[in-house]
Amino acid sequence: MKLIFRGKRFGFSLDEIKEMVLLFDRDRTGVAQLERTISYGDRRIKQIDATIQELNEMREELVSLRESFAVKLEKIAEERNYDE
């Protein structure tokens, strides 16, 4: 059960986890299981890296927009105070 929870935590599907567990039953040396786990792990790492990159880009864009909106709001407030 611990292996299933760990696999889910790392983003593996239940089918992938099942396959990794069953591989050990077929090959008691654990070689096939380790090879498959490494393969799935490499793929998952690439997905995580892509997600991180997307999130960083999204964050940078949002920070930039927020800063420009704050400047715009400040200018509007200054214009209102000047007109009064």
Protein backbone atom coordinates (compact mmCIF):
# COMPACT_ATOMS: atom_id res chain seq x y z
CA MET A 1 0.00 0.00 0.00
CA LYS A 2 2.87 2.36 0.81
CA LEU A 3 4.26 1.84 -2.69
CA ILE A 4 0.91 2.76 -4.23
CA PHE A 5 0.66 5.98 -2.22
CA ARG A 6 4.24 6.90 -3.08
CA GLY A 7 3.59 6.23 -6.76
CA LYS A 8 0.44 8.38 -6.72
CA ARG A 9 2.31 11.15 -4.89
CA PHE A 10 4.86 11.23 -7.70
CA GLY A 11 2.11 11.37 -10.32
CA PHE A 12 2.17 7.81 -11.63
CA SER A 13 -1.11 6.33 -12.79
CA LEU A 14 -2.54 3.27 -11.05
CA ASP A 15 -1.86 1.27 -14.22
CA GLU A 16 1.81 2.30 -14.16
CA ILE A 17 2.10 1.42 -10.48
CA LYS A 18 0.42 -1.94 -11.08
CA GLU A 19 2.79 -2.67 -13.96
CA MET A 20 5.84 -1.84 -11.84
CA VAL A 21 4.63 -4.08 -9.00
CA LEU A 22 3.77 -6.97 -11.31
CA LEU A 23 7.16 -6.77 -13.00
CA PHE A 24 8.77 -7.81 -9.72
CA ASP A 25 6.50 -10.87 -9.61
CA ARG A 26 7.71 -11.88 -13.07
CA ASP A 27 11.39 -11.09 -12.48
CA ARG A 28 12.51 -11.60 -8.88
CA THR A 29 15.88 -10.00 -9.60
CA GLY A 30 14.04 -6.68 -9.73
CA VAL A 31 15.95 -5.62 -12.85
CA ALA A 32 12.87 -5.25 -15.08
CA GLN A 33 11.01 -3.40 -12.33
CA LEU A 34 13.90 -1.00 -11.78
CA GLU A 35 14.33 -0.38 -15.51
CA ARG A 36 10.63 0.38 -15.93
CA THR A 37 10.56 2.55 -12.82
CA ILE A 38 13.53 4.55 -14.11
CA SER A 39 11.84 4.95 -17.49
CA TYR A 40 8.59 6.14 -15.92
CA GLY A 41 10.55 8.34 -13.53
CA ASP A 42 12.48 9.99 -16.36
CA ARG A 43 9.25 10.70 -18.20
CA ARG A 44 7.62 12.12 -15.06
CA ILE A 45 10.65 14.33 -14.33
CA LYS A 46 10.37 15.81 -17.85
CA GLN A 47 6.66 16.49 -17.25
CA ILE A 48 7.43 18.14 -13.91
CA ASP A 49 10.18 20.27 -15.47
CA ALA A 50 7.80 21.40 -18.22
CA THR A 51 5.15 22.28 -15.65
CA ILE A 52 7.66 24.23 -13.58
CA GLN A 53 8.77 26.15 -16.66
CA GLU A 54 5.16 26.96 -17.58
CA LEU A 55 4.41 28.08 -14.02
CA ASN A 56 7.53 30.27 -13.91
CA GLU A 57 6.57 31.90 -17.20
CA MET A 58 3.01 32.41 -15.98
CA ARG A 59 4.30 33.93 -12.74
CA GLU A 60 6.63 36.31 -14.56
CA GLU A 61 3.81 37.46 -16.81
CA LEU A 62 1.44 37.93 -13.89
CA VAL A 63 4.03 39.88 -11.89
CA SER A 64 4.64 42.12 -14.90
CA LEU A 65 0.92 42.71 -15.45
CA ARG A 66 0.38 43.39 -11.78
CA GLU A 67 3.18 45.95 -11.76
CA SER A 68 1.82 47.72 -14.83
CA PHE A 69 -1.69 47.75 -13.31
CA ALA A 70 -0.32 49.19 -10.06
CA VAL A 71 1.46 51.96 -11.99
CA LYS A 72 -1.70 52.68 -13.97
CA LEU A 73 -3.76 52.81 -10.78
CA GLU A 74 -1.26 55.14 -9.16
CA LYS A 75 -1.39 57.49 -12.19
CA ILE A 76 -5.19 57.54 -12.05
CA ALA A 77 -5.10 58.33 -8.34
CA GLU A 78 -2.57 61.13 -8.93
CA GLU A 79 -4.72 62.60 -11.72
CA ARG A 80 -7.78 62.55 -9.47
CA ASN A 81 -5.86 64.28 -6.67
CA TYR A 82 -4.48 66.85 -9.12
CA ASP A 83 -7.97 67.64 -10.47
CA GLU A 84 -9.38 68.20 -7.01
